[in-house]
Amino acid sequence: DVHNPVFGVSAGLVLLFLVAVLVSDAETAKSALDGLKWKII
């Protein structure tokens, strides 16, 4: 019993994230996201 479109968009973005992690290098992803995090901080 799901809200349209919150459920679909949320689940889709999570799955997209998992695919991106699968096809990319964890160290590269960490470096990029760490850079964004420290820029914000």
PDB file of all heavy atoms in Angstrom:
ATOM      1  N   ASP A   1       0.880  -1.164   0.000  1.00  0.00           N
ATOM      2  CA  ASP A   1       0.000   0.000   0.000  1.00  0.00           C
ATOM      3  C   ASP A   1       0.921   1.218   0.000  1.00  0.00           C
ATOM      4  O   ASP A   1       1.318   1.728   1.051  1.00  0.00           O
ATOM      5  CB  ASP A   1      -0.894  -0.011   1.245  1.00  0.00           C
ATOM      6  CG  ASP A   1      -1.921   1.122   1.243  1.00  0.00           C
ATOM      7  OD1 ASP A   1      -1.908   1.931   0.295  1.00  0.00           O
ATOM      8  OD2 ASP A   1      -2.721   1.201   2.194  1.00  0.00           O
ATOM      9  N   VAL A   2       1.279   1.702  -1.202  1.00  0.00           N
ATOM     10  CA  VAL A   2       2.388   2.650  -1.314  1.00  0.00           C
ATOM     11  C   VAL A   2       1.923   3.983  -1.873  1.00  0.00           C
ATOM     12  O   VAL A   2       0.984   4.063  -2.666  1.00  0.00           O
ATOM     13  CB  VAL A   2       3.516   2.080  -2.207  1.00  0.00           C
ATOM     14  CG1 VAL A   2       4.053   0.796  -1.608  1.00  0.00           C
ATOM     15  CG2 VAL A   2       3.039   1.842  -3.632  1.00  0.00           C
ATOM     16  N   HIS A   3       2.620   5.025  -1.430  1.00  0.00           N
ATOM     17  CA  HIS A   3       2.334   6.372  -1.927  1.00  0.00           C
ATOM     18  C   HIS A   3       2.966   6.567  -3.302  1.00  0.00           C
ATOM     19  O   HIS A   3       4.112   6.209  -3.525  1.00  0.00           O
ATOM     20  CB  HIS A   3       2.889   7.417  -0.958  1.00  0.00           C
ATOM     21  CG  HIS A   3       2.568   8.829  -1.337  1.00  0.00           C
ATOM     22  ND1 HIS A   3       3.289   9.538  -2.268  1.00  0.00           N
ATOM     23  CD2 HIS A   3       1.575   9.662  -0.921  1.00  0.00           C
ATOM     24  CE1 HIS A   3       2.767  10.746  -2.401  1.00  0.00           C
ATOM     25  NE2 HIS A   3       1.730  10.848  -1.602  1.00  0.00           N
ATOM     26  N   ASN A   4       2.186   7.132  -4.176  1.00  0.00           N
ATOM     27  CA  ASN A   4       2.671   7.433  -5.527  1.00  0.00           C
ATOM     28  C   ASN A   4       2.928   8.932  -5.608  1.00  0.00           C
ATOM     29  O   ASN A   4       2.013   9.719  -5.375  1.00  0.00           O
ATOM     30  CB  ASN A   4       1.596   7.022  -6.544  1.00  0.00           C
ATOM     31  CG  ASN A   4       1.999   7.296  -7.971  1.00  0.00           C
ATOM     32  OD1 ASN A   4       3.146   7.159  -8.331  1.00  0.00           O
ATOM     33  ND2 ASN A   4       1.030   7.702  -8.788  1.00  0.00           N
ATOM     34  N   PRO A   5       4.190   9.357  -5.874  1.00  0.00           N
ATOM     35  CA  PRO A   5       5.326   8.595  -6.382  1.00  0.00           C
ATOM     36  C   PRO A   5       6.450   8.363  -5.369  1.00  0.00           C
ATOM     37  O   PRO A   5       7.535   7.956  -5.774  1.00  0.00           O
ATOM     38  CB  PRO A   5       5.830   9.515  -7.493  1.00  0.00           C
ATOM     39  CG  PRO A   5       5.629  10.900  -6.906  1.00  0.00           C
ATOM     40  CD  PRO A   5       4.393  10.813  -6.050  1.00  0.00           C
ATOM     41  N   VAL A   6       6.230   8.636  -4.082  1.00  0.00           N
ATOM     42  CA  VAL A   6       7.330   8.604  -3.113  1.00  0.00           C
ATOM     43  C   VAL A   6       7.981   7.222  -3.044  1.00  0.00           C
ATOM     44  O   VAL A   6       9.209   7.102  -3.062  1.00  0.00           O
ATOM     45  CB  VAL A   6       6.841   9.036  -1.714  1.00  0.00           C
ATOM     46  CG1 VAL A   6       7.937   8.829  -0.668  1.00  0.00           C
ATOM     47  CG2 VAL A   6       6.427  10.506  -1.743  1.00  0.00           C
ATOM     48  N   PHE A   7       7.166   6.170  -2.981  1.00  0.00           N
ATOM     49  CA  PHE A   7       7.719   4.820  -2.885  1.00  0.00           C
ATOM     50  C   PHE A   7       8.563   4.493  -4.111  1.00  0.00           C
ATOM     51  O   PHE A   7       9.712   4.044  -3.999  1.00  0.00           O
ATOM     52  CB  PHE A   7       6.601   3.791  -2.741  1.00  0.00           C
ATOM     53  CG  PHE A   7       7.092   2.372  -2.624  1.00  0.00           C
ATOM     54  CD1 PHE A   7       7.292   1.788  -1.386  1.00  0.00           C
ATOM     55  CD2 PHE A   7       7.356   1.601  -3.755  1.00  0.00           C
ATOM     56  CE1 PHE A   7       7.746   0.481  -1.266  1.00  0.00           C
ATOM     57  CE2 PHE A   7       7.818   0.305  -3.657  1.00  0.00           C
ATOM     58  CZ  PHE A   7       8.006  -0.258  -2.402  1.00  0.00           C
ATOM     59  N   GLY A   8       8.011   4.716  -5.299  1.00  0.00           N
ATOM     60  CA  GLY A   8       8.716   4.357  -6.527  1.00  0.00           C
ATOM     61  C   GLY A   8      10.011   5.136  -6.721  1.00  0.00           C
ATOM     62  O   GLY A   8      11.046   4.557  -7.072  1.00  0.00           O
ATOM     63  N   VAL A   9       9.972   6.441  -6.476  1.00  0.00           N
ATOM     64  CA  VAL A   9      11.178   7.262  -6.643  1.00  0.00           C
ATOM     65  C   VAL A   9      12.238   6.866  -5.630  1.00  0.00           C
ATOM     66  O   VAL A   9      13.426   6.727  -5.956  1.00  0.00           O
ATOM     67  CB  VAL A   9      10.831   8.756  -6.508  1.00  0.00           C
ATOM     68  CG1 VAL A   9      12.094   9.601  -6.495  1.00  0.00           C
ATOM     69  CG2 VAL A   9       9.911   9.197  -7.645  1.00  0.00           C
ATOM     70  N   SER A  10      11.825   6.666  -4.364  1.00  0.00           N
ATOM     71  CA  SER A  10      12.786   6.302  -3.317  1.00  0.00           C
ATOM     72  C   SER A  10      13.439   4.961  -3.615  1.00  0.00           C
ATOM     73  O   SER A  10      14.670   4.826  -3.571  1.00  0.00           O
ATOM     74  CB  SER A  10      12.078   6.240  -1.955  1.00  0.00           C
ATOM     75  OG  SER A  10      11.504   7.476  -1.612  1.00  0.00           O
ATOM     76  N   ALA A  11      12.613   3.941  -3.912  1.00  0.00           N
ATOM     77  CA  ALA A  11      13.155   2.617  -4.209  1.00  0.00           C
ATOM     78  C   ALA A  11      14.042   2.661  -5.448  1.00  0.00           C
ATOM     79  O   ALA A  11      15.104   2.027  -5.501  1.00  0.00           O
ATOM     80  CB  ALA A  11      12.009   1.619  -4.400  1.00  0.00           C
ATOM     81  N   GLY A  12      13.627   3.429  -6.464  1.00  0.00           N
ATOM     82  CA  GLY A  12      14.419   3.526  -7.684  1.00  0.00           C
ATOM     83  C   GLY A  12      15.776   4.164  -7.450  1.00  0.00           C
ATOM     84  O   GLY A  12      16.801   3.692  -7.969  1.00  0.00           O
ATOM     85  N   LEU A  13      15.823   5.223  -6.657  1.00  0.00           N
ATOM     86  CA  LEU A  13      17.090   5.888  -6.368  1.00  0.00           C
ATOM     87  C   LEU A  13      18.016   4.998  -5.540  1.00  0.00           C
ATOM     88  O   LEU A  13      19.235   4.998  -5.737  1.00  0.00           O
ATOM     89  CB  LEU A  13      16.835   7.205  -5.629  1.00  0.00           C
ATOM     90  CG  LEU A  13      16.218   8.328  -6.466  1.00  0.00           C
ATOM     91  CD1 LEU A  13      15.883   9.536  -5.602  1.00  0.00           C
ATOM     92  CD2 LEU A  13      17.160   8.740  -7.602  1.00  0.00           C
ATOM     93  N   VAL A  14      17.436   4.216  -4.635  1.00  0.00           N
ATOM     94  CA  VAL A  14      18.247   3.284  -3.839  1.00  0.00           C
ATOM     95  C   VAL A  14      18.860   2.215  -4.737  1.00  0.00           C
ATOM     96  O   VAL A  14      20.054   1.897  -4.639  1.00  0.00           O
ATOM     97  CB  VAL A  14      17.396   2.635  -2.733  1.00  0.00           C
ATOM     98  CG1 VAL A  14      18.162   1.488  -2.064  1.00  0.00           C
ATOM     99  CG2 VAL A  14      17.005   3.670  -1.687  1.00  0.00           C
ATOM    100  N   LEU A  15      18.050   1.656  -5.617  1.00  0.00           N
ATOM    101  CA  LEU A  15      18.555   0.633  -6.538  1.00  0.00           C
ATOM    102  C   LEU A  15      19.602   1.219  -7.482  1.00  0.00           C
ATOM    103  O   LEU A  15      20.604   0.564  -7.796  1.00  0.00           O
ATOM    104  CB  LEU A  15      17.397   0.025  -7.322  1.00  0.00           C
ATOM    105  CG  LEU A  15      16.403  -0.798  -6.505  1.00  0.00           C
ATOM    106  CD1 LEU A  15      15.222  -1.239  -7.366  1.00  0.00           C
ATOM    107  CD2 LEU A  15      17.078  -2.023  -5.888  1.00  0.00           C
ATOM    108  N   LEU A  16      19.386   2.454  -7.929  1.00  0.00           N
ATOM    109  CA  LEU A  16      20.357   3.121  -8.792  1.00  0.00           C
ATOM    110  C   LEU A  16      21.677   3.306  -8.062  1.00  0.00           C
ATOM    111  O   LEU A  16      22.756   3.114  -8.639  1.00  0.00           O
ATOM    112  CB  LEU A  16      19.806   4.476  -9.236  1.00  0.00           C
ATOM    113  CG  LEU A  16      20.668   5.280 -10.226  1.00  0.00           C
ATOM    114  CD1 LEU A  16      20.805   4.520 -11.546  1.00  0.00           C
ATOM    115  CD2 LEU A  16      20.059   6.663 -10.458  1.00  0.00           C
ATOM    116  N   PHE A  17      21.601   3.645  -6.785  1.00  0.00           N
ATOM    117  CA  PHE A  17      22.811   3.802  -5.981  1.00  0.00           C
ATOM    118  C   PHE A  17      23.567   2.480  -5.881  1.00  0.00           C
ATOM    119  O   PHE A  17      24.786   2.428  -6.031  1.00  0.00           O
ATOM    120  CB  PHE A  17      22.443   4.310  -4.591  1.00  0.00           C
ATOM    121  CG  PHE A  17      23.603   4.337  -3.625  1.00  0.00           C
ATOM    122  CD1 PHE A  17      24.501   5.391  -3.627  1.00  0.00           C
ATOM    123  CD2 PHE A  17      23.799   3.292  -2.729  1.00  0.00           C
ATOM    124  CE1 PHE A  17      25.579   5.407  -2.743  1.00  0.00           C
ATOM    125  CE2 PHE A  17      24.860   3.304  -1.846  1.00  0.00           C
ATOM    126  CZ  PHE A  17      25.763   4.365  -1.851  1.00  0.00           C
ATOM    127  N   LEU A  18      22.829   1.392  -5.624  1.00  0.00           N
ATOM    128  CA  LEU A  18      23.469   0.079  -5.515  1.00  0.00           C
ATOM    129  C   LEU A  18      24.154  -0.312  -6.812  1.00  0.00           C
ATOM    130  O   LEU A  18      25.271  -0.843  -6.810  1.00  0.00           O
ATOM    131  CB  LEU A  18      22.431  -0.981  -5.118  1.00  0.00           C
ATOM    132  CG  LEU A  18      22.032  -1.022  -3.651  1.00  0.00           C
ATOM    133  CD1 LEU A  18      20.908  -2.028  -3.441  1.00  0.00           C
ATOM    134  CD2 LEU A  18      23.221  -1.373  -2.762  1.00  0.00           C
ATOM    135  N   VAL A  19      23.502  -0.059  -7.947  1.00  0.00           N
ATOM    136  CA  VAL A  19      24.100  -0.376  -9.247  1.00  0.00           C
ATOM    137  C   VAL A  19      25.360   0.451  -9.451  1.00  0.00           C
ATOM    138  O   VAL A  19      26.390  -0.058  -9.922  1.00  0.00           O
ATOM    139  CB  VAL A  19      23.088  -0.112 -10.379  1.00  0.00           C
ATOM    140  CG1 VAL A  19      23.772  -0.218 -11.737  1.00  0.00           C
ATOM    141  CG2 VAL A  19      21.932  -1.094 -10.302  1.00  0.00           C
ATOM    142  N   ALA A  20      25.297   1.736  -9.090  1.00  0.00           N
ATOM    143  CA  ALA A  20      26.462   2.609  -9.252  1.00  0.00           C
ATOM    144  C   ALA A  20      27.641   2.109  -8.425  1.00  0.00           C
ATOM    145  O   ALA A  20      28.795   2.144  -8.874  1.00  0.00           O
ATOM    146  CB  ALA A  20      26.099   4.036  -8.834  1.00  0.00           C
ATOM    147  N   VAL A  21      27.354   1.632  -7.224  1.00  0.00           N
ATOM    148  CA  VAL A  21      28.423   1.103  -6.370  1.00  0.00           C
ATOM    149  C   VAL A  21      28.990  -0.180  -6.975  1.00  0.00           C
ATOM    150  O   VAL A  21      30.204  -0.419  -6.944  1.00  0.00           O
ATOM    151  CB  VAL A  21      27.895   0.839  -4.944  1.00  0.00           C
ATOM    152  CG1 VAL A  21      28.924   0.078  -4.108  1.00  0.00           C
ATOM    153  CG2 VAL A  21      27.558   2.151  -4.259  1.00  0.00           C
ATOM    154  N   LEU A  22      28.112  -1.013  -7.532  1.00  0.00           N
ATOM    155  CA  LEU A  22      28.559  -2.273  -8.116  1.00  0.00           C
ATOM    156  C   LEU A  22      29.504  -2.061  -9.290  1.00  0.00           C
ATOM    157  O   LEU A  22      30.466  -2.810  -9.478  1.00  0.00           O
ATOM    158  CB  LEU A  22      27.351  -3.092  -8.569  1.00  0.00           C
ATOM    159  CG  LEU A  22      26.545  -3.804  -7.473  1.00  0.00           C
ATOM    160  CD1 LEU A  22      25.242  -4.361  -8.044  1.00  0.00           C
ATOM    161  CD2 LEU A  22      27.367  -4.934  -6.854  1.00  0.00           C
ATOM    162  N   VAL A  23      29.224  -1.039 -10.102  1.00  0.00           N
ATOM    163  CA  VAL A  23      30.016  -0.845 -11.317  1.00  0.00           C
ATOM    164  C   VAL A  23      31.177   0.132 -11.118  1.00  0.00           C
ATOM    165  O   VAL A  23      31.968   0.333 -12.028  1.00  0.00           O
ATOM    166  CB  VAL A  23      29.130  -0.344 -12.481  1.00  0.00           C
ATOM    167  CG1 VAL A  23      28.031  -1.356 -12.786  1.00  0.00           C
ATOM    168  CG2 VAL A  23      28.527   1.025 -12.162  1.00  0.00           C
ATOM    169  N   SER A  24      31.259   0.743  -9.941  1.00  0.00           N
ATOM    170  CA  SER A  24      32.327   1.715  -9.708  1.00  0.00           C
ATOM    171  C   SER A  24      33.282   1.201  -8.642  1.00  0.00           C
ATOM    172  O   SER A  24      33.030   0.192  -7.980  1.00  0.00           O
ATOM    173  CB  SER A  24      31.750   3.065  -9.282  1.00  0.00           C
ATOM    174  OG  SER A  24      31.115   2.957  -8.029  1.00  0.00           O
ATOM    175  N   ASP A  25      34.353   1.917  -8.464  1.00  0.00           N
ATOM    176  CA  ASP A  25      35.341   1.575  -7.458  1.00  0.00           C
ATOM    177  C   ASP A  25      34.961   2.237  -6.140  1.00  0.00           C
ATOM    178  O   ASP A  25      34.682   3.439  -6.094  1.00  0.00           O
ATOM    179  CB  ASP A  25      36.719   2.063  -7.920  1.00  0.00           C
ATOM    180  CG  ASP A  25      37.780   1.801  -6.868  1.00  0.00           C
ATOM    181  OD1 ASP A  25      37.970   0.639  -6.509  1.00  0.00           O
ATOM    182  OD2 ASP A  25      38.411   2.786  -6.424  1.00  0.00           O
ATOM    183  N   ALA A  26      34.943   1.451  -5.048  1.00  0.00           N
ATOM    184  CA  ALA A  26      34.530   1.973  -3.747  1.00  0.00           C
ATOM    185  C   ALA A  26      35.419   3.127  -3.292  1.00  0.00           C
ATOM    186  O   ALA A  26      34.946   4.108  -2.721  1.00  0.00           O
ATOM    187  CB  ALA A  26      34.545   0.849  -2.705  1.00  0.00           C
ATOM    188  N   GLU A  27      36.707   3.011  -3.580  1.00  0.00           N
ATOM    189  CA  GLU A  27      37.628   4.068  -3.168  1.00  0.00           C
ATOM    190  C   GLU A  27      37.343   5.370  -3.909  1.00  0.00           C
ATOM    191  O   GLU A  27      37.396   6.460  -3.325  1.00  0.00           O
ATOM    192  CB  GLU A  27      39.068   3.628  -3.422  1.00  0.00           C
ATOM    193  CG  GLU A  27      40.107   4.585  -2.872  1.00  0.00           C
ATOM    194  CD  GLU A  27      41.532   4.069  -3.028  1.00  0.00           C
ATOM    195  OE1 GLU A  27      41.699   2.878  -3.381  1.00  0.00           O
ATOM    196  OE2 GLU A  27      42.461   4.859  -2.797  1.00  0.00           O
ATOM    197  N   THR A  28      36.990   5.256  -5.188  1.00  0.00           N
ATOM    198  CA  THR A  28      36.655   6.442  -5.973  1.00  0.00           C
ATOM    199  C   THR A  28      35.375   7.086  -5.461  1.00  0.00           C
ATOM    200  O   THR A  28      35.283   8.313  -5.323  1.00  0.00           O
ATOM    201  CB  THR A  28      36.481   6.067  -7.462  1.00  0.00           C
ATOM    202  OG1 THR A  28      37.683   5.469  -7.932  1.00  0.00           O
ATOM    203  CG2 THR A  28      36.149   7.297  -8.287  1.00  0.00           C
ATOM    204  N   ALA A  29      34.378   6.232  -5.183  1.00  0.00           N
ATOM    205  CA  ALA A  29      33.108   6.745  -4.662  1.00  0.00           C
ATOM    206  C   ALA A  29      33.321   7.430  -3.311  1.00  0.00           C
ATOM    207  O   ALA A  29      32.768   8.509  -3.051  1.00  0.00           O
ATOM    208  CB  ALA A  29      32.103   5.610  -4.520  1.00  0.00           C
ATOM    209  N   LYS A  30      34.131   6.808  -2.452  1.00  0.00           N
ATOM    210  CA  LYS A  30      34.405   7.397  -1.145  1.00  0.00           C
ATOM    211  C   LYS A  30      35.105   8.743  -1.297  1.00  0.00           C
ATOM    212  O   LYS A  30      34.772   9.713  -0.616  1.00  0.00           O
ATOM    213  CB  LYS A  30      35.266   6.461  -0.302  1.00  0.00           C
ATOM    214  CG  LYS A  30      35.671   7.032   1.063  1.00  0.00           C
ATOM    215  CD  LYS A  30      36.525   6.047   1.834  1.00  0.00           C
ATOM    216  CE  LYS A  30      36.961   6.632   3.176  1.00  0.00           C
ATOM    217  NZ  LYS A  30      37.852   7.791   3.025  1.00  0.00           N
ATOM    218  N   SER A  31      36.069   8.810  -2.193  1.00  0.00           N
ATOM    219  CA  SER A  31      36.806  10.045  -2.408  1.00  0.00           C
ATOM    220  C   SER A  31      35.882  11.168  -2.881  1.00  0.00           C
ATOM    221  O   SER A  31      35.952  12.299  -2.388  1.00  0.00           O
ATOM    222  CB  SER A  31      37.921   9.817  -3.422  1.00  0.00           C
ATOM    223  OG  SER A  31      38.618  11.009  -3.685  1.00  0.00           O
ATOM    224  N   ALA A  32      34.985  10.832  -3.819  1.00  0.00           N
ATOM    225  CA  ALA A  32      34.079  11.848  -4.364  1.00  0.00           C
ATOM    226  C   ALA A  32      33.088  12.324  -3.308  1.00  0.00           C
ATOM    227  O   ALA A  32      32.878  13.532  -3.133  1.00  0.00           O
ATOM    228  CB  ALA A  32      33.334  11.282  -5.566  1.00  0.00           C
ATOM    229  N   LEU A  33      32.471  11.379  -2.599  1.00  0.00           N
ATOM    230  CA  LEU A  33      31.471  11.754  -1.597  1.00  0.00           C
ATOM    231  C   LEU A  33      32.114  12.408  -0.384  1.00  0.00           C
ATOM    232  O   LEU A  33      31.541  13.309   0.231  1.00  0.00           O
ATOM    233  CB  LEU A  33      30.666  10.523  -1.183  1.00  0.00           C
ATOM    234  CG  LEU A  33      29.713   9.989  -2.243  1.00  0.00           C
ATOM    235  CD1 LEU A  33      29.104   8.653  -1.820  1.00  0.00           C
ATOM    236  CD2 LEU A  33      28.606  11.003  -2.520  1.00  0.00           C
ATOM    237  N   ASP A  34      33.314  11.965  -0.023  1.00  0.00           N
ATOM    238  CA  ASP A  34      34.037  12.616   1.064  1.00  0.00           C
ATOM    239  C   ASP A  34      34.353  14.066   0.709  1.00  0.00           C
ATOM    240  O   ASP A  34      34.258  14.970   1.551  1.00  0.00           O
ATOM    241  CB  ASP A  34      35.345  11.871   1.364  1.00  0.00           C
ATOM    242  CG  ASP A  34      35.227  10.997   2.607  1.00  0.00           C
ATOM    243  OD1 ASP A  34      34.225  11.139   3.330  1.00  0.00           O
ATOM    244  OD2 ASP A  34      36.129  10.180   2.852  1.00  0.00           O
ATOM    245  N   GLY A  35      34.737  14.272  -0.551  1.00  0.00           N
ATOM    246  CA  GLY A  35      35.026  15.627  -1.000  1.00  0.00           C
ATOM    247  C   GLY A  35      33.807  16.523  -0.884  1.00  0.00           C
ATOM    248  O   GLY A  35      33.901  17.670  -0.421  1.00  0.00           O
ATOM    249  N   LEU A  36      32.644  15.989  -1.273  1.00  0.00           N
ATOM    250  CA  LEU A  36      31.398  16.754  -1.160  1.00  0.00           C
ATOM    251  C   LEU A  36      31.077  17.027   0.302  1.00  0.00           C
ATOM    252  O   LEU A  36      30.705  18.159   0.673  1.00  0.00           O
ATOM    253  CB  LEU A  36      30.257  15.972  -1.818  1.00  0.00           C
ATOM    254  CG  LEU A  36      28.855  16.577  -1.674  1.00  0.00           C
ATOM    255  CD1 LEU A  36      28.791  17.945  -2.346  1.00  0.00           C
ATOM    256  CD2 LEU A  36      27.809  15.624  -2.265  1.00  0.00           C
ATOM    257  N   LYS A  37      31.226  15.997   1.150  1.00  0.00           N
ATOM    258  CA  LYS A  37      30.923  16.145   2.577  1.00  0.00           C
ATOM    259  C   LYS A  37      31.782  17.239   3.207  1.00  0.00           C
ATOM    260  O   LYS A  37      31.260  18.129   3.904  1.00  0.00           O
ATOM    261  CB  LYS A  37      31.168  14.818   3.292  1.00  0.00           C
ATOM    262  CG  LYS A  37      30.956  14.870   4.799  1.00  0.00           C
ATOM    263  CD  LYS A  37      31.423  13.588   5.466  1.00  0.00           C
ATOM    264  CE  LYS A  37      32.955  13.513   5.513  1.00  0.00           C
ATOM    265  NZ  LYS A  37      33.444  12.329   6.226  1.00  0.00           N
ATOM    266  N   TRP A  38      33.096  17.188   2.980  1.00  0.00           N
ATOM    267  CA  TRP A  38      33.988  18.162   3.607  1.00  0.00           C
ATOM    268  C   TRP A  38      33.813  19.556   3.017  1.00  0.00           C
ATOM    269  O   TRP A  38      34.029  20.558   3.706  1.00  0.00           O
ATOM    270  CB  TRP A  38      35.438  17.700   3.502  1.00  0.00           C
ATOM    271  CG  TRP A  38      35.723  16.535   4.393  1.00  0.00           C
ATOM    272  CD1 TRP A  38      36.057  15.272   4.011  1.00  0.00           C
ATOM    273  CD2 TRP A  38      35.657  16.522   5.826  1.00  0.00           C
ATOM    274  NE1 TRP A  38      36.215  14.466   5.114  1.00  0.00           N
ATOM    275  CE2 TRP A  38      35.984  15.197   6.240  1.00  0.00           C
ATOM    276  CE3 TRP A  38      35.362  17.480   6.788  1.00  0.00           C
ATOM    277  CZ2 TRP A  38      35.998  14.845   7.575  1.00  0.00           C
ATOM    278  CZ3 TRP A  38      35.381  17.116   8.132  1.00  0.00           C
ATOM    279  CH2 TRP A  38      35.700  15.820   8.507  1.00  0.00           C
ATOM    280  N   LYS A  39      33.404  19.645   1.761  1.00  0.00           N
ATOM    281  CA  LYS A  39      33.102  20.944   1.162  1.00  0.00           C
ATOM    282  C   LYS A  39      31.904  21.576   1.865  1.00  0.00           C
ATOM    283  O   LYS A  39      31.916  22.772   2.198  1.00  0.00           O
ATOM    284  CB  LYS A  39      32.808  20.772  -0.334  1.00  0.00           C
ATOM    285  CG  LYS A  39      32.508  22.072  -1.062  1.00  0.00           C
ATOM    286  CD  LYS A  39      33.729  22.965  -1.157  1.00  0.00           C
ATOM    287  CE  LYS A  39      33.460  24.179  -2.014  1.00  0.00           C
ATOM    288  NZ  LYS A  39      34.619  25.103  -2.057  1.00  0.00           N
ATOM    289  N   ILE A  40      30.880  20.749   2.111  1.00  0.00           N
ATOM    290  CA  ILE A  40      29.685  21.238   2.812  1.00  0.00           C
ATOM    291  C   ILE A  40      30.031  21.641   4.237  1.00  0.00           C
ATOM    292  O   ILE A  40      29.639  22.711   4.718  1.00  0.00           O
ATOM    293  CB  ILE A  40      28.583  20.158   2.798  1.00  0.00           C
ATOM    294  CG1 ILE A  40      28.016  19.997   1.376  1.00  0.00           C
ATOM    295  CG2 ILE A  40      27.472  20.495   3.785  1.00  0.00           C
ATOM    296  CD1 ILE A  40      27.063  18.845   1.218  1.00  0.00           C
ATOM    297  N   ILE A  41      30.782  20.780   4.940  1.00  0.00           N
ATOM    298  CA  ILE A  41      31.143  21.061   6.333  1.00  0.00           C
ATOM    299  C   ILE A  41      31.996  22.323   6.431  1.00  0.00           C
ATOM    300  O   ILE A  41      31.780  23.172   7.301  1.00  0.00           O
ATOM    301  CB  ILE A  41      31.876  19.852   6.944  1.00  0.00           C
ATOM    302  CG1 ILE A  41      30.872  18.721   7.233  1.00  0.00           C
ATOM    303  CG2 ILE A  41      32.623  20.237   8.214  1.00  0.00           C
ATOM    304  CD1 ILE A  41      31.504  17.448   7.747  1.00  0.00           C
TER     305      ILE A  41
END
